[in-house]
Amino acid sequence: MIKLMITCREASQITLQADDRSVPLTERLSVRLHQRICGNCRRFSRQVELMRQASARWRKYTNE
């Protein structure tokens, strides 16, 4: 069952867990819906993505 409105804490947890597990469609949709109305969580998601990209580049750089 889809939980329509999740809290910022729940959205943050799901965003961070995306690297560790496969996030079900219902949770992804809940996060997206939450981010549509919460600018802080949108910003957090962008920051997490930036850190993931930077970390991937660093791993590639150090393995060459």
PDB file of N, CA and C in Angstrom:
ATOM      1  N   MET A   1       0.840  -1.181   0.000  1.00  0.00           N
ATOM      2  CA  MET A   1       0.000   0.000   0.000  1.00  0.00           C
ATOM      3  C   MET A   1       0.887   1.248   0.000  1.00  0.00           C
ATOM      4  N   ILE A   2       0.503   2.211  -0.779  1.00  0.00           N
ATOM      5  CA  ILE A   2       1.277   3.438  -0.885  1.00  0.00           C
ATOM      6  C   ILE A   2       0.868   4.413   0.220  1.00  0.00           C
ATOM      7  N   LYS A   3       1.868   4.932   0.887  1.00  0.00           N
ATOM      8  CA  LYS A   3       1.624   5.955   1.897  1.00  0.00           C
ATOM      9  C   LYS A   3       1.761   7.292   1.173  1.00  0.00           C
ATOM     10  N   LEU A   4       0.662   8.007   1.036  1.00  0.00           N
ATOM     11  CA  LEU A   4       0.671   9.210   0.214  1.00  0.00           C
ATOM     12  C   LEU A   4       1.588  10.293   0.740  1.00  0.00           C
ATOM     13  N   MET A   5       1.530  10.587   2.016  1.00  0.00           N
ATOM     14  CA  MET A   5       2.353  11.656   2.540  1.00  0.00           C
ATOM     15  C   MET A   5       3.338  11.098   3.554  1.00  0.00           C
ATOM     16  N   ILE A   6       4.607  11.196   3.215  1.00  0.00           N
ATOM     17  CA  ILE A   6       5.649  10.737   4.123  1.00  0.00           C
ATOM     18  C   ILE A   6       6.322  11.962   4.738  1.00  0.00           C
ATOM     19  N   THR A   7       7.046  11.742   5.806  1.00  0.00           N
ATOM     20  CA  THR A   7       7.741  12.834   6.486  1.00  0.00           C
ATOM     21  C   THR A   7       9.093  13.080   5.818  1.00  0.00           C
ATOM     22  N   CYS A   8       9.703  14.190   6.154  1.00  0.00           N
ATOM     23  CA  CYS A   8      11.043  14.502   5.648  1.00  0.00           C
ATOM     24  C   CYS A   8      12.027  13.427   6.093  1.00  0.00           C
ATOM     25  N   ARG A   9      11.893  12.974   7.301  1.00  0.00           N
ATOM     26  CA  ARG A   9      12.795  11.933   7.813  1.00  0.00           C
ATOM     27  C   ARG A   9      12.676  10.663   6.976  1.00  0.00           C
ATOM     28  N   GLU A  10      11.439  10.260   6.675  1.00  0.00           N
ATOM     29  CA  GLU A  10      11.238   9.054   5.863  1.00  0.00           C
ATOM     30  C   GLU A  10      11.793   9.251   4.454  1.00  0.00           C
ATOM     31  N   ALA A  11      11.564  10.424   3.872  1.00  0.00           N
ATOM     32  CA  ALA A  11      12.070  10.705   2.524  1.00  0.00           C
ATOM     33  C   ALA A  11      13.589  10.659   2.511  1.00  0.00           C
ATOM     34  N   SER A  12      14.219  11.204   3.536  1.00  0.00           N
ATOM     35  CA  SER A  12      15.681  11.194   3.624  1.00  0.00           C
ATOM     36  C   SER A  12      16.215   9.775   3.761  1.00  0.00           C
ATOM     37  N   GLN A  13      15.565   8.970   4.588  1.00  0.00           N
ATOM     38  CA  GLN A  13      16.006   7.590   4.781  1.00  0.00           C
ATOM     39  C   GLN A  13      15.924   6.803   3.478  1.00  0.00           C
ATOM     40  N   ILE A  14      14.831   6.959   2.767  1.00  0.00           N
ATOM     41  CA  ILE A  14      14.654   6.234   1.500  1.00  0.00           C
ATOM     42  C   ILE A  14      15.693   6.707   0.486  1.00  0.00           C
ATOM     43  N   THR A  15      15.941   8.015   0.439  1.00  0.00           N
ATOM     44  CA  THR A  15      16.939   8.562  -0.477  1.00  0.00           C
ATOM     45  C   THR A  15      18.312   7.968  -0.197  1.00  0.00           C
ATOM     46  N   LEU A  16      18.675   7.882   1.066  1.00  0.00           N
ATOM     47  CA  LEU A  16      19.984   7.343   1.430  1.00  0.00           C
ATOM     48  C   LEU A  16      20.068   5.831   1.220  1.00  0.00           C
ATOM     49  N   GLN A  17      18.973   5.130   1.371  1.00  0.00           N
ATOM     50  CA  GLN A  17      18.966   3.675   1.229  1.00  0.00           C
ATOM     51  C   GLN A  17      18.988   3.222  -0.227  1.00  0.00           C
ATOM     52  N   ALA A  18      18.776   4.134  -1.147  1.00  0.00           N
ATOM     53  CA  ALA A  18      18.687   3.768  -2.562  1.00  0.00           C
ATOM     54  C   ALA A  18      19.957   3.088  -3.063  1.00  0.00           C
ATOM     55  N   ASP A  19      21.108   3.383  -2.469  1.00  0.00           N
ATOM     56  CA  ASP A  19      22.352   2.714  -2.878  1.00  0.00           C
ATOM     57  C   ASP A  19      22.446   1.296  -2.342  1.00  0.00           C
ATOM     58  N   ASP A  20      21.807   1.043  -1.217  1.00  0.00           N
ATOM     59  CA  ASP A  20      21.957  -0.230  -0.524  1.00  0.00           C
ATOM     60  C   ASP A  20      20.901  -1.272  -0.878  1.00  0.00           C
ATOM     61  N   ARG A  21      19.783  -0.809  -1.381  1.00  0.00           N
ATOM     62  CA  ARG A  21      18.707  -1.756  -1.685  1.00  0.00           C
ATOM     63  C   ARG A  21      17.881  -1.259  -2.860  1.00  0.00           C
ATOM     64  N   SER A  22      17.119  -2.158  -3.421  1.00  0.00           N
ATOM     65  CA  SER A  22      16.198  -1.798  -4.482  1.00  0.00           C
ATOM     66  C   SER A  22      14.948  -1.188  -3.845  1.00  0.00           C
ATOM     67  N   VAL A  23      14.696   0.060  -4.151  1.00  0.00           N
ATOM     68  CA  VAL A  23      13.562   0.764  -3.548  1.00  0.00           C
ATOM     69  C   VAL A  23      12.306   0.463  -4.360  1.00  0.00           C
ATOM     70  N   PRO A  24      11.267  -0.056  -3.695  1.00  0.00           N
ATOM     71  CA  PRO A  24      10.022  -0.376  -4.409  1.00  0.00           C
ATOM     72  C   PRO A  24       9.386   0.867  -5.041  1.00  0.00           C
ATOM     73  N   LEU A  25       8.644   0.636  -6.087  1.00  0.00           N
ATOM     74  CA  LEU A  25       7.987   1.717  -6.819  1.00  0.00           C
ATOM     75  C   LEU A  25       7.139   2.591  -5.901  1.00  0.00           C
ATOM     76  N   THR A  26       6.407   1.983  -4.979  1.00  0.00           N
ATOM     77  CA  THR A  26       5.543   2.773  -4.098  1.00  0.00           C
ATOM     78  C   THR A  26       6.348   3.752  -3.251  1.00  0.00           C
ATOM     79  N   GLU A  27       7.509   3.319  -2.779  1.00  0.00           N
ATOM     80  CA  GLU A  27       8.349   4.220  -1.984  1.00  0.00           C
ATOM     81  C   GLU A  27       8.947   5.315  -2.854  1.00  0.00           C
ATOM     82  N   ARG A  28       9.380   4.964  -4.058  1.00  0.00           N
ATOM     83  CA  ARG A  28       9.925   5.985  -4.965  1.00  0.00           C
ATOM     84  C   ARG A  28       8.878   7.033  -5.282  1.00  0.00           C
ATOM     85  N   LEU A  29       7.655   6.594  -5.503  1.00  0.00           N
ATOM     86  CA  LEU A  29       6.572   7.544  -5.791  1.00  0.00           C
ATOM     87  C   LEU A  29       6.262   8.418  -4.584  1.00  0.00           C
ATOM     88  N   SER A  30       6.294   7.838  -3.405  1.00  0.00           N
ATOM     89  CA  SER A  30       6.057   8.616  -2.186  1.00  0.00           C
ATOM     90  C   SER A  30       7.118   9.699  -2.010  1.00  0.00           C
ATOM     91  N   VAL A  31       8.374   9.347  -2.280  1.00  0.00           N
ATOM     92  CA  VAL A  31       9.467  10.326  -2.163  1.00  0.00           C
ATOM     93  C   VAL A  31       9.280  11.423  -3.201  1.00  0.00           C
ATOM     94  N   ARG A  32       8.973  11.032  -4.422  1.00  0.00           N
ATOM     95  CA  ARG A  32       8.761  12.033  -5.475  1.00  0.00           C
ATOM     96  C   ARG A  32       7.629  12.987  -5.127  1.00  0.00           C
ATOM     97  N   LEU A  33       6.535  12.456  -4.627  1.00  0.00           N
ATOM     98  CA  LEU A  33       5.403  13.292  -4.228  1.00  0.00           C
ATOM     99  C   LEU A  33       5.819  14.243  -3.107  1.00  0.00           C
ATOM    100  N   HIS A  34       6.538  13.720  -2.144  1.00  0.00           N
ATOM    101  CA  HIS A  34       6.997  14.548  -1.030  1.00  0.00           C
ATOM    102  C   HIS A  34       7.917  15.658  -1.541  1.00  0.00           C
ATOM    103  N   GLN A  35       8.815  15.314  -2.447  1.00  0.00           N
ATOM    104  CA  GLN A  35       9.770  16.295  -2.955  1.00  0.00           C
ATOM    105  C   GLN A  35       9.098  17.385  -3.788  1.00  0.00           C
ATOM    106  N   ARG A  36       7.958  17.097  -4.338  1.00  0.00           N
ATOM    107  CA  ARG A  36       7.225  18.115  -5.100  1.00  0.00           C
ATOM    108  C   ARG A  36       6.789  19.274  -4.208  1.00  0.00           C
ATOM    109  N   ILE A  37       6.572  18.991  -2.934  1.00  0.00           N
ATOM    110  CA  ILE A  37       6.107  20.052  -2.039  1.00  0.00           C
ATOM    111  C   ILE A  37       7.155  20.479  -1.025  1.00  0.00           C
ATOM    112  N   CYS A  38       8.273  19.772  -0.974  1.00  0.00           N
ATOM    113  CA  CYS A  38       9.286  20.065   0.039  1.00  0.00           C
ATOM    114  C   CYS A  38      10.623  20.410  -0.629  1.00  0.00           C
ATOM    115  N   GLY A  39      10.924  21.682  -0.678  1.00  0.00           N
ATOM    116  CA  GLY A  39      12.159  22.140  -1.289  1.00  0.00           C
ATOM    117  C   GLY A  39      13.397  21.646  -0.580  1.00  0.00           C
ATOM    118  N   ASN A  40      13.323  21.513   0.735  1.00  0.00           N
ATOM    119  CA  ASN A  40      14.481  21.035   1.493  1.00  0.00           C
ATOM    120  C   ASN A  40      14.834  19.604   1.114  1.00  0.00           C
ATOM    121  N   CYS A  41      13.843  18.764   0.936  1.00  0.00           N
ATOM    122  CA  CYS A  41      14.108  17.369   0.558  1.00  0.00           C
ATOM    123  C   CYS A  41      14.581  17.278  -0.884  1.00  0.00           C
ATOM    124  N   ARG A  42      14.109  18.148  -1.760  1.00  0.00           N
ATOM    125  CA  ARG A  42      14.630  18.191  -3.131  1.00  0.00           C
ATOM    126  C   ARG A  42      16.111  18.540  -3.097  1.00  0.00           C
ATOM    127  N   ARG A  43      16.450  19.533  -2.314  1.00  0.00           N
ATOM    128  CA  ARG A  43      17.845  19.961  -2.181  1.00  0.00           C
ATOM    129  C   ARG A  43      18.704  18.833  -1.608  1.00  0.00           C
ATOM    130  N   PHE A  44      18.191  18.162  -0.589  1.00  0.00           N
ATOM    131  CA  PHE A  44      18.923  17.049   0.017  1.00  0.00           C
ATOM    132  C   PHE A  44      19.171  15.952  -1.011  1.00  0.00           C
ATOM    133  N   SER A  45      18.173  15.639  -1.797  1.00  0.00           N
ATOM    134  CA  SER A  45      18.313  14.598  -2.819  1.00  0.00           C
ATOM    135  C   SER A  45      19.375  14.981  -3.842  1.00  0.00           C
ATOM    136  N   ARG A  46      19.404  16.241  -4.259  1.00  0.00           N
ATOM    137  CA  ARG A  46      20.432  16.699  -5.197  1.00  0.00           C
ATOM    138  C   ARG A  46      21.822  16.611  -4.568  1.00  0.00           C
ATOM    139  N   GLN A  47      21.922  16.956  -3.291  1.00  0.00           N
ATOM    140  CA  GLN A  47      23.210  16.886  -2.604  1.00  0.00           C
ATOM    141  C   GLN A  47      23.705  15.444  -2.497  1.00  0.00           C
ATOM    142  N   VAL A  48      22.798  14.538  -2.185  1.00  0.00           N
ATOM    143  CA  VAL A  48      23.172  13.120  -2.091  1.00  0.00           C
ATOM    144  C   VAL A  48      23.649  12.628  -3.455  1.00  0.00           C
ATOM    145  N   GLU A  49      22.953  13.002  -4.509  1.00  0.00           N
ATOM    146  CA  GLU A  49      23.349  12.588  -5.856  1.00  0.00           C
ATOM    147  C   GLU A  49      24.714  13.157  -6.213  1.00  0.00           C
ATOM    148  N   LEU A  50      24.974  14.390  -5.852  1.00  0.00           N
ATOM    149  CA  LEU A  50      26.273  15.006  -6.105  1.00  0.00           C
ATOM    150  C   LEU A  50      27.381  14.253  -5.359  1.00  0.00           C
ATOM    151  N   MET A  51      27.119  13.872  -4.113  1.00  0.00           N
ATOM    152  CA  MET A  51      28.110  13.112  -3.344  1.00  0.00           C
ATOM    153  C   MET A  51      28.352  11.741  -3.958  1.00  0.00           C
ATOM    154  N   ARG A  52      27.303  11.099  -4.457  1.00  0.00           N
ATOM    155  CA  ARG A  52      27.456   9.793  -5.103  1.00  0.00           C
ATOM    156  C   ARG A  52      28.327   9.916  -6.348  1.00  0.00           C
ATOM    157  N   GLN A  53      28.072  10.942  -7.148  1.00  0.00           N
ATOM    158  CA  GLN A  53      28.854  11.149  -8.363  1.00  0.00           C
ATOM    159  C   GLN A  53      30.312  11.444  -8.027  1.00  0.00           C
ATOM    160  N   ALA A  54      30.539  12.308  -7.047  1.00  0.00           N
ATOM    161  CA  ALA A  54      31.901  12.654  -6.653  1.00  0.00           C
ATOM    162  C   ALA A  54      32.634  11.427  -6.124  1.00  0.00           C
ATOM    163  N   SER A  55      31.944  10.614  -5.361  1.00  0.00           N
ATOM    164  CA  SER A  55      32.543   9.400  -4.813  1.00  0.00           C
ATOM    165  C   SER A  55      32.900   8.430  -5.938  1.00  0.00           C
ATOM    166  N   ALA A  56      32.034   8.294  -6.914  1.00  0.00           N
ATOM    167  CA  ALA A  56      32.308   7.407  -8.048  1.00  0.00           C
ATOM    168  C   ALA A  56      33.507   7.902  -8.838  1.00  0.00           C
ATOM    169  N   ARG A  57      33.598   9.209  -9.042  1.00  0.00           N
ATOM    170  CA  ARG A  57      34.752   9.773  -9.754  1.00  0.00           C
ATOM    171  C   ARG A  57      36.029   9.545  -8.969  1.00  0.00           C
ATOM    172  N   TRP A  58      35.956   9.700  -7.662  1.00  0.00           N
ATOM    173  CA  TRP A  58      37.141   9.517  -6.826  1.00  0.00           C
ATOM    174  C   TRP A  58      37.619   8.057  -6.895  1.00  0.00           C
ATOM    175  N   ARG A  59      36.670   7.119  -6.812  1.00  0.00           N
ATOM    176  CA  ARG A  59      37.037   5.704  -6.912  1.00  0.00           C
ATOM    177  C   ARG A  59      37.698   5.416  -8.259  1.00  0.00           C
ATOM    178  N   LYS A  60      37.142   5.984  -9.321  1.00  0.00           N
ATOM    179  CA  LYS A  60      37.718   5.777 -10.659  1.00  0.00           C
ATOM    180  C   LYS A  60      39.113   6.382 -10.721  1.00  0.00           C
ATOM    181  N   TYR A  61      39.281   7.562 -10.183  1.00  0.00           N
ATOM    182  CA  TYR A  61      40.578   8.253 -10.194  1.00  0.00           C
ATOM    183  C   TYR A  61      41.634   7.486  -9.415  1.00  0.00           C
ATOM    184  N   THR A  62      41.264   6.972  -8.257  1.00  0.00           N
ATOM    185  CA  THR A  62      42.246   6.281  -7.405  1.00  0.00           C
ATOM    186  C   THR A  62      42.579   4.886  -7.910  1.00  0.00           C
ATOM    187  N   ASN A  63      41.729   4.316  -8.761  1.00  0.00           N
ATOM    188  CA  ASN A  63      41.979   2.968  -9.294  1.00  0.00           C
ATOM    189  C   ASN A  63      42.765   2.984 -10.586  1.00  0.00           C
ATOM    190  N   GLU A  64      43.043   4.152 -11.130  1.00  0.00           N
ATOM    191  CA  GLU A  64      43.786   4.218 -12.390  1.00  0.00           C
ATOM    192  C   GLU A  64      45.257   4.118 -12.173  1.00  0.00           C
TER     193      GLU A  64
END
